[in-house]
Amino acid sequence: MITRKYVVAWQGDPQEFGRRVQTEARRRGLATAQDVFVVADGGVWIWNVQQDRFSQAKGMLDFYHASEHLWAVSPQPLSGR
């Protein structure tokens, strides 16, 4: 269960974003967390930040983007039926 949510926004290079997110996570108690999850879209750069800064974390694609991928590969109904 998510009990608190914090946001870190940065418009710039991914390395600096990763540093800022890790700093905030440590400030919020990352070192004492039993489980760490990263929920993100499919951007490769985000998963690179996760691997670099939070290698112990379990990564998960967010619902919106996962459903987009599922919809793209699902059989489409035949028109006119």
PDB file of N, CA and C in Angstrom:
ATOM      1  N   MET A   1       0.837  -1.160   0.000  1.00  0.00           N
ATOM      2  CA  MET A   1       0.000   0.000   0.000  1.00  0.00           C
ATOM      3  C   MET A   1       0.897   1.242   0.000  1.00  0.00           C
ATOM      4  N   ILE A   2       0.586   2.144  -0.882  1.00  0.00           N
ATOM      5  CA  ILE A   2       1.310   3.411  -0.921  1.00  0.00           C
ATOM      6  C   ILE A   2       0.702   4.322   0.132  1.00  0.00           C
ATOM      7  N   THR A   3       1.524   4.772   1.060  1.00  0.00           N
ATOM      8  CA  THR A   3       1.028   5.646   2.123  1.00  0.00           C
ATOM      9  C   THR A   3       1.369   7.106   1.887  1.00  0.00           C
ATOM     10  N   ARG A   4       2.423   7.336   1.111  1.00  0.00           N
ATOM     11  CA  ARG A   4       2.819   8.708   0.779  1.00  0.00           C
ATOM     12  C   ARG A   4       3.386   8.725  -0.630  1.00  0.00           C
ATOM     13  N   LYS A   5       3.237   9.848  -1.292  1.00  0.00           N
ATOM     14  CA  LYS A   5       3.769   9.990  -2.639  1.00  0.00           C
ATOM     15  C   LYS A   5       4.469  11.338  -2.738  1.00  0.00           C
ATOM     16  N   TYR A   6       5.655  11.330  -3.326  1.00  0.00           N
ATOM     17  CA  TYR A   6       6.424  12.545  -3.512  1.00  0.00           C
ATOM     18  C   TYR A   6       6.796  12.650  -4.983  1.00  0.00           C
ATOM     19  N   VAL A   7       6.975  13.849  -5.451  1.00  0.00           N
ATOM     20  CA  VAL A   7       7.286  14.078  -6.852  1.00  0.00           C
ATOM     21  C   VAL A   7       8.599  14.848  -6.957  1.00  0.00           C
ATOM     22  N   VAL A   8       9.440  14.405  -7.876  1.00  0.00           N
ATOM     23  CA  VAL A   8      10.652  15.133  -8.213  1.00  0.00           C
ATOM     24  C   VAL A   8      10.553  15.444  -9.699  1.00  0.00           C
ATOM     25  N   ALA A   9      10.602  16.701 -10.039  1.00  0.00           N
ATOM     26  CA  ALA A   9      10.525  17.116 -11.440  1.00  0.00           C
ATOM     27  C   ALA A   9      11.847  17.762 -11.835  1.00  0.00           C
ATOM     28  N   TRP A  10      12.291  17.428 -13.037  1.00  0.00           N
ATOM     29  CA  TRP A  10      13.534  18.002 -13.538  1.00  0.00           C
ATOM     30  C   TRP A  10      13.488  17.970 -15.052  1.00  0.00           C
ATOM     31  N   GLN A  11      13.767  19.091 -15.653  1.00  0.00           N
ATOM     32  CA  GLN A  11      13.829  19.163 -17.101  1.00  0.00           C
ATOM     33  C   GLN A  11      15.288  19.347 -17.470  1.00  0.00           C
ATOM     34  N   GLY A  12      15.926  18.256 -17.799  1.00  0.00           N
ATOM     35  CA  GLY A  12      17.349  18.290 -18.106  1.00  0.00           C
ATOM     36  C   GLY A  12      17.850  16.891 -18.349  1.00  0.00           C
ATOM     37  N   ASP A  13      19.139  16.693 -18.151  1.00  0.00           N
ATOM     38  CA  ASP A  13      19.698  15.381 -18.474  1.00  0.00           C
ATOM     39  C   ASP A  13      19.280  14.320 -17.453  1.00  0.00           C
ATOM     40  N   PRO A  14      19.191  13.069 -17.899  1.00  0.00           N
ATOM     41  CA  PRO A  14      18.740  11.979 -17.031  1.00  0.00           C
ATOM     42  C   PRO A  14      19.644  11.741 -15.815  1.00  0.00           C
ATOM     43  N   GLN A  15      20.946  11.952 -15.962  1.00  0.00           N
ATOM     44  CA  GLN A  15      21.848  11.720 -14.838  1.00  0.00           C
ATOM     45  C   GLN A  15      21.529  12.654 -13.661  1.00  0.00           C
ATOM     46  N   GLU A  16      21.251  13.908 -13.975  1.00  0.00           N
ATOM     47  CA  GLU A  16      20.912  14.867 -12.917  1.00  0.00           C
ATOM     48  C   GLU A  16      19.564  14.524 -12.305  1.00  0.00           C
ATOM     49  N   PHE A  17      18.617  14.109 -13.127  1.00  0.00           N
ATOM     50  CA  PHE A  17      17.322  13.676 -12.600  1.00  0.00           C
ATOM     51  C   PHE A  17      17.517  12.498 -11.642  1.00  0.00           C
ATOM     52  N   GLY A  18      18.318  11.524 -12.048  1.00  0.00           N
ATOM     53  CA  GLY A  18      18.589  10.371 -11.191  1.00  0.00           C
ATOM     54  C   GLY A  18      19.205  10.775  -9.863  1.00  0.00           C
ATOM     55  N   ARG A  19      20.151  11.706  -9.918  1.00  0.00           N
ATOM     56  CA  ARG A  19      20.784  12.187  -8.681  1.00  0.00           C
ATOM     57  C   ARG A  19      19.759  12.833  -7.767  1.00  0.00           C
ATOM     58  N   ARG A  20      18.883  13.662  -8.340  1.00  0.00           N
ATOM     59  CA  ARG A  20      17.871  14.357  -7.543  1.00  0.00           C
ATOM     60  C   ARG A  20      16.852  13.393  -6.946  1.00  0.00           C
ATOM     61  N   VAL A  21      16.442  12.417  -7.733  1.00  0.00           N
ATOM     62  CA  VAL A  21      15.477  11.430  -7.223  1.00  0.00           C
ATOM     63  C   VAL A  21      16.108  10.605  -6.104  1.00  0.00           C
ATOM     64  N   GLN A  22      17.346  10.178  -6.293  1.00  0.00           N
ATOM     65  CA  GLN A  22      18.013   9.393  -5.258  1.00  0.00           C
ATOM     66  C   GLN A  22      18.200  10.206  -3.979  1.00  0.00           C
ATOM     67  N   THR A  23      18.569  11.466  -4.117  1.00  0.00           N
ATOM     68  CA  THR A  23      18.722  12.329  -2.940  1.00  0.00           C
ATOM     69  C   THR A  23      17.407  12.446  -2.184  1.00  0.00           C
ATOM     70  N   GLU A  24      16.314  12.662  -2.910  1.00  0.00           N
ATOM     71  CA  GLU A  24      15.002  12.778  -2.265  1.00  0.00           C
ATOM     72  C   GLU A  24      14.585  11.459  -1.628  1.00  0.00           C
ATOM     73  N   ALA A  25      14.848  10.357  -2.308  1.00  0.00           N
ATOM     74  CA  ALA A  25      14.495   9.040  -1.760  1.00  0.00           C
ATOM     75  C   ALA A  25      15.258   8.759  -0.468  1.00  0.00           C
ATOM     76  N   ARG A  26      16.517   9.107  -0.442  1.00  0.00           N
ATOM     77  CA  ARG A  26      17.294   8.935   0.798  1.00  0.00           C
ATOM     78  C   ARG A  26      16.741   9.816   1.910  1.00  0.00           C
ATOM     79  N   ARG A  27      16.393  11.042   1.558  1.00  0.00           N
ATOM     80  CA  ARG A  27      15.824  11.964   2.545  1.00  0.00           C
ATOM     81  C   ARG A  27      14.518  11.426   3.114  1.00  0.00           C
ATOM     82  N   ARG A  28      13.773  10.683   2.304  1.00  0.00           N
ATOM     83  CA  ARG A  28      12.478  10.141   2.703  1.00  0.00           C
ATOM     84  C   ARG A  28      12.566   8.745   3.310  1.00  0.00           C
ATOM     85  N   GLY A  29      13.785   8.216   3.496  1.00  0.00           N
ATOM     86  CA  GLY A  29      13.938   6.949   4.208  1.00  0.00           C
ATOM     87  C   GLY A  29      14.227   5.734   3.364  1.00  0.00           C
ATOM     88  N   LEU A  30      14.779   5.906   2.184  1.00  0.00           N
ATOM     89  CA  LEU A  30      15.086   4.778   1.307  1.00  0.00           C
ATOM     90  C   LEU A  30      15.918   3.713   2.017  1.00  0.00           C
ATOM     91  N   ALA A  31      16.853   4.129   2.837  1.00  0.00           N
ATOM     92  CA  ALA A  31      17.761   3.180   3.483  1.00  0.00           C
ATOM     93  C   ALA A  31      17.041   2.206   4.406  1.00  0.00           C
ATOM     94  N   THR A  32      15.881   2.584   4.919  1.00  0.00           N
ATOM     95  CA  THR A  32      15.153   1.710   5.843  1.00  0.00           C
ATOM     96  C   THR A  32      13.954   1.023   5.194  1.00  0.00           C
ATOM     97  N   ALA A  33      13.752   1.251   3.908  1.00  0.00           N
ATOM     98  CA  ALA A  33      12.608   0.650   3.216  1.00  0.00           C
ATOM     99  C   ALA A  33      12.825  -0.840   3.019  1.00  0.00           C
ATOM    100  N   GLN A  34      11.787  -1.634   3.304  1.00  0.00           N
ATOM    101  CA  GLN A  34      11.868  -3.076   3.075  1.00  0.00           C
ATOM    102  C   GLN A  34      11.813  -3.390   1.589  1.00  0.00           C
ATOM    103  N   ASP A  35      10.954  -2.702   0.869  1.00  0.00           N
ATOM    104  CA  ASP A  35      10.795  -2.908  -0.565  1.00  0.00           C
ATOM    105  C   ASP A  35      10.843  -1.571  -1.274  1.00  0.00           C
ATOM    106  N   VAL A  36      11.454  -1.562  -2.440  1.00  0.00           N
ATOM    107  CA  VAL A  36      11.520  -0.350  -3.244  1.00  0.00           C
ATOM    108  C   VAL A  36      10.974  -0.686  -4.630  1.00  0.00           C
ATOM    109  N   PHE A  37      10.033   0.128  -5.106  1.00  0.00           N
ATOM    110  CA  PHE A  37       9.428  -0.069  -6.407  1.00  0.00           C
ATOM    111  C   PHE A  37       9.618   1.183  -7.253  1.00  0.00           C
ATOM    112  N   VAL A  38       9.893   0.978  -8.522  1.00  0.00           N
ATOM    113  CA  VAL A  38       9.942   2.067  -9.482  1.00  0.00           C
ATOM    114  C   VAL A  38       8.825   1.805 -10.473  1.00  0.00           C
ATOM    115  N   VAL A  39       7.890   2.730 -10.555  1.00  0.00           N
ATOM    116  CA  VAL A  39       6.794   2.638 -11.512  1.00  0.00           C
ATOM    117  C   VAL A  39       6.997   3.767 -12.511  1.00  0.00           C
ATOM    118  N   ALA A  40       7.105   3.401 -13.790  1.00  0.00           N
ATOM    119  CA  ALA A  40       7.425   4.413 -14.796  1.00  0.00           C
ATOM    120  C   ALA A  40       6.880   3.994 -16.154  1.00  0.00           C
ATOM    121  N   ASP A  41       6.983   4.915 -17.109  1.00  0.00           N
ATOM    122  CA  ASP A  41       6.590   4.565 -18.469  1.00  0.00           C
ATOM    123  C   ASP A  41       7.733   3.771 -19.114  1.00  0.00           C
ATOM    124  N   GLY A  42       7.640   3.505 -20.372  1.00  0.00           N
ATOM    125  CA  GLY A  42       8.611   2.640 -21.029  1.00  0.00           C
ATOM    126  C   GLY A  42       9.883   3.310 -21.502  1.00  0.00           C
ATOM    127  N   GLY A  43      10.115   4.542 -21.095  1.00  0.00           N
ATOM    128  CA  GLY A  43      11.323   5.244 -21.534  1.00  0.00           C
ATOM    129  C   GLY A  43      12.587   4.530 -21.075  1.00  0.00           C
ATOM    130  N   VAL A  44      13.445   4.175 -22.030  1.00  0.00           N
ATOM    131  CA  VAL A  44      14.675   3.450 -21.709  1.00  0.00           C
ATOM    132  C   VAL A  44      15.520   4.233 -20.713  1.00  0.00           C
ATOM    133  N   TRP A  45      15.571   5.548 -20.862  1.00  0.00           N
ATOM    134  CA  TRP A  45      16.407   6.357 -19.965  1.00  0.00           C
ATOM    135  C   TRP A  45      15.947   6.229 -18.517  1.00  0.00           C
ATOM    136  N   ILE A  46      14.637   6.058 -18.288  1.00  0.00           N
ATOM    137  CA  ILE A  46      14.138   5.913 -16.913  1.00  0.00           C
ATOM    138  C   ILE A  46      14.620   4.596 -16.318  1.00  0.00           C
ATOM    139  N   TRP A  47      14.562   3.526 -17.108  1.00  0.00           N
ATOM    140  CA  TRP A  47      15.012   2.225 -16.602  1.00  0.00           C
ATOM    141  C   TRP A  47      16.519   2.216 -16.395  1.00  0.00           C
ATOM    142  N   ASN A  48      17.249   3.007 -17.171  1.00  0.00           N
ATOM    143  CA  ASN A  48      18.694   3.146 -16.939  1.00  0.00           C
ATOM    144  C   ASN A  48      18.956   3.854 -15.617  1.00  0.00           C
ATOM    145  N   VAL A  49      18.177   4.891 -15.313  1.00  0.00           N
ATOM    146  CA  VAL A  49      18.307   5.587 -14.025  1.00  0.00           C
ATOM    147  C   VAL A  49      17.969   4.622 -12.890  1.00  0.00           C
ATOM    148  N   GLN A  50      16.904   3.852 -13.062  1.00  0.00           N
ATOM    149  CA  GLN A  50      16.504   2.879 -12.030  1.00  0.00           C
ATOM    150  C   GLN A  50      17.641   1.891 -11.772  1.00  0.00           C
ATOM    151  N   GLN A  51      18.226   1.359 -12.830  1.00  0.00           N
ATOM    152  CA  GLN A  51      19.317   0.389 -12.679  1.00  0.00           C
ATOM    153  C   GLN A  51      20.542   1.022 -12.039  1.00  0.00           C
ATOM    154  N   ASP A  52      20.850   2.258 -12.412  1.00  0.00           N
ATOM    155  CA  ASP A  52      22.023   2.948 -11.893  1.00  0.00           C
ATOM    156  C   ASP A  52      21.853   3.384 -10.439  1.00  0.00           C
ATOM    157  N   ARG A  53      20.690   3.936 -10.109  1.00  0.00           N
ATOM    158  CA  ARG A  53      20.482   4.540  -8.785  1.00  0.00           C
ATOM    159  C   ARG A  53      19.718   3.663  -7.796  1.00  0.00           C
ATOM    160  N   PHE A  54      18.893   2.750  -8.311  1.00  0.00           N
ATOM    161  CA  PHE A  54      18.023   1.930  -7.448  1.00  0.00           C
ATOM    162  C   PHE A  54      18.049   0.483  -7.915  1.00  0.00           C
ATOM    163  N   SER A  55      19.221  -0.100  -8.008  1.00  0.00           N
ATOM    164  CA  SER A  55      19.347  -1.450  -8.560  1.00  0.00           C
ATOM    165  C   SER A  55      18.610  -2.497  -7.724  1.00  0.00           C
ATOM    166  N   GLN A  56      18.358  -2.211  -6.453  1.00  0.00           N
ATOM    167  CA  GLN A  56      17.633  -3.138  -5.588  1.00  0.00           C
ATOM    168  C   GLN A  56      16.122  -3.071  -5.804  1.00  0.00           C
ATOM    169  N   ALA A  57      15.677  -2.071  -6.537  1.00  0.00           N
ATOM    170  CA  ALA A  57      14.237  -1.844  -6.718  1.00  0.00           C
ATOM    171  C   ALA A  57      13.642  -2.804  -7.741  1.00  0.00           C
ATOM    172  N   LYS A  58      12.382  -3.077  -7.551  1.00  0.00           N
ATOM    173  CA  LYS A  58      11.617  -3.829  -8.536  1.00  0.00           C
ATOM    174  C   LYS A  58      10.982  -2.804  -9.467  1.00  0.00           C
ATOM    175  N   GLY A  59      11.149  -2.992 -10.758  1.00  0.00           N
ATOM    176  CA  GLY A  59      10.605  -2.067 -11.733  1.00  0.00           C
ATOM    177  C   GLY A  59       9.287  -2.567 -12.301  1.00  0.00           C
ATOM    178  N   MET A  60       8.400  -1.629 -12.567  1.00  0.00           N
ATOM    179  CA  MET A  60       7.100  -1.982 -13.113  1.00  0.00           C
ATOM    180  C   MET A  60       6.645  -0.891 -14.071  1.00  0.00           C
ATOM    181  N   LEU A  61       6.142  -1.320 -15.212  1.00  0.00           N
ATOM    182  CA  LEU A  61       5.579  -0.387 -16.177  1.00  0.00           C
ATOM    183  C   LEU A  61       4.252   0.118 -15.642  1.00  0.00           C
ATOM    184  N   ASP A  62       4.014   1.419 -15.759  1.00  0.00           N
ATOM    185  CA  ASP A  62       2.761   1.965 -15.242  1.00  0.00           C
ATOM    186  C   ASP A  62       1.567   1.440 -16.048  1.00  0.00           C
ATOM    187  N   PHE A  63       0.394   1.440 -15.419  1.00  0.00           N
ATOM    188  CA  PHE A  63      -0.804   0.847 -16.003  1.00  0.00           C
ATOM    189  C   PHE A  63      -1.156   1.470 -17.351  1.00  0.00           C
ATOM    190  N   TYR A  64      -1.090   2.774 -17.438  1.00  0.00           N
ATOM    191  CA  TYR A  64      -1.474   3.451 -18.672  1.00  0.00           C
ATOM    192  C   TYR A  64      -0.642   2.954 -19.853  1.00  0.00           C
ATOM    193  N   HIS A  65       0.671   2.940 -19.687  1.00  0.00           N
ATOM    194  CA  HIS A  65       1.541   2.536 -20.784  1.00  0.00           C
ATOM    195  C   HIS A  65       1.474   1.026 -21.027  1.00  0.00           C
ATOM    196  N   ALA A  66       1.301   0.245 -19.979  1.00  0.00           N
ATOM    197  CA  ALA A  66       1.134  -1.203 -20.171  1.00  0.00           C
ATOM    198  C   ALA A  66      -0.122  -1.487 -20.981  1.00  0.00           C
ATOM    199  N   SER A  67      -1.220  -0.798 -20.668  1.00  0.00           N
ATOM    200  CA  SER A  67      -2.463  -1.034 -21.409  1.00  0.00           C
ATOM    201  C   SER A  67      -2.326  -0.581 -22.859  1.00  0.00           C
ATOM    202  N   GLU A  68      -1.560   0.466 -23.114  1.00  0.00           N
ATOM    203  CA  GLU A  68      -1.299   0.878 -24.494  1.00  0.00           C
ATOM    204  C   GLU A  68      -0.600  -0.228 -25.281  1.00  0.00           C
ATOM    205  N   HIS A  69       0.409  -0.845 -24.663  1.00  0.00           N
ATOM    206  CA  HIS A  69       1.143  -1.921 -25.322  1.00  0.00           C
ATOM    207  C   HIS A  69       0.244  -3.135 -25.548  1.00  0.00           C
ATOM    208  N   LEU A  70      -0.573  -3.469 -24.569  1.00  0.00           N
ATOM    209  CA  LEU A  70      -1.486  -4.603 -24.724  1.00  0.00           C
ATOM    210  C   LEU A  70      -2.501  -4.339 -25.829  1.00  0.00           C
ATOM    211  N   TRP A  71      -3.025  -3.136 -25.861  1.00  0.00           N
ATOM    212  CA  TRP A  71      -3.999  -2.786 -26.895  1.00  0.00           C
ATOM    213  C   TRP A  71      -3.377  -2.898 -28.287  1.00  0.00           C
ATOM    214  N   ALA A  72      -2.116  -2.484 -28.409  1.00  0.00           N
ATOM    215  CA  ALA A  72      -1.437  -2.508 -29.708  1.00  0.00           C
ATOM    216  C   ALA A  72      -1.267  -3.927 -30.248  1.00  0.00           C
ATOM    217  N   VAL A  73      -1.133  -4.909 -29.380  1.00  0.00           N
ATOM    218  CA  VAL A  73      -0.920  -6.286 -29.842  1.00  0.00           C
ATOM    219  C   VAL A  73      -2.173  -7.154 -29.766  1.00  0.00           C
ATOM    220  N   SER A  74      -3.272  -6.601 -29.278  1.00  0.00           N
ATOM    221  CA  SER A  74      -4.493  -7.400 -29.159  1.00  0.00           C
ATOM    222  C   SER A  74      -5.169  -7.549 -30.518  1.00  0.00           C
ATOM    223  N   PRO A  75      -5.856  -8.672 -30.714  1.00  0.00           N
ATOM    224  CA  PRO A  75      -6.586  -8.838 -31.975  1.00  0.00           C
ATOM    225  C   PRO A  75      -7.686  -7.786 -32.079  1.00  0.00           C
ATOM    226  N   GLN A  76      -7.791  -7.195 -33.218  1.00  0.00           N
ATOM    227  CA  GLN A  76      -8.805  -6.162 -33.439  1.00  0.00           C
ATOM    228  C   GLN A  76     -10.057  -6.810 -34.039  1.00  0.00           C
ATOM    229  N   PRO A  77     -11.218  -6.339 -33.655  1.00  0.00           N
ATOM    230  CA  PRO A  77     -12.443  -6.902 -34.217  1.00  0.00           C
ATOM    231  C   PRO A  77     -12.520  -6.640 -35.718  1.00  0.00           C
ATOM    232  N   LEU A  78     -13.118  -7.581 -36.445  1.00  0.00           N
ATOM    233  CA  LEU A  78     -13.293  -7.417 -37.878  1.00  0.00           C
ATOM    234  C   LEU A  78     -14.366  -6.376 -38.131  1.00  0.00           C
ATOM    235  N   SER A  79     -14.134  -5.488 -39.061  1.00  0.00           N
ATOM    236  CA  SER A  79     -15.141  -4.474 -39.353  1.00  0.00           C
ATOM    237  C   SER A  79     -16.285  -5.100 -40.125  1.00  0.00           C
ATOM    238  N   GLY A  80     -17.498  -4.616 -39.901  1.00  0.00           N
ATOM    239  CA  GLY A  80     -18.666  -5.101 -40.603  1.00  0.00           C
ATOM    240  C   GLY A  80     -19.302  -6.330 -39.988  1.00  0.00           C
ATOM    241  N   ARG A  81     -18.846  -6.775 -38.871  1.00  0.00           N
ATOM    242  CA  ARG A  81     -19.433  -7.943 -38.207  1.00  0.00           C
ATOM    243  C   ARG A  81     -20.182  -7.557 -36.989  1.00  0.00           C
TER     244      ARG A  81
END
